[in-house]
């Protein structure tokens, strides 16, 4: 079975709320995952838990999938200099403008654009991790593609000798 891929920006703009609404949960219901310094060598998914996940009703599965997406969202970095979670929440949840967010996180326009790109990349990576970790393979694999810049038309200009006429 071929995995579906989806651009992270399109997913957050179009699919995010669809999954949250299907799951019947509110974005604020979950707190951020807590960082621990204890080594983690166990997947915490035993055979019984796996069978429970496999036997969920459609409504329970929708809630589980929505929770997985929110865990990935809230797992993003939010420390000084890397306000990824704040940028994503402000733009995709609170629907603030890019300019308002740049002011809020105290970044110039250029630094904000760079930080937003890094935030989208981080979310895609964390989403793909949690998608596998929580066995939500019905979710698409998120990708981040840099926007292609338009070619500079100045490259096509012919340099003319000042005394020659253009053809």
Foldseek 3Di string as FASTA:
>chain_A
DDFAEDALVCCLQPPLVVLCVLLVHDLPPDAADDDDPDDDPDLPCDPVNVVCQVPDDSNNVSVLLNVLLSRLLSPADPDQPQNLSQLSCVCRPVNDDLVVVCVVSVHDSVSSVVSPLVSSQSSLVSSQVSCVSSVVRVDHRYDHDDDDDDDDCVVVDDDDDPVDDDD
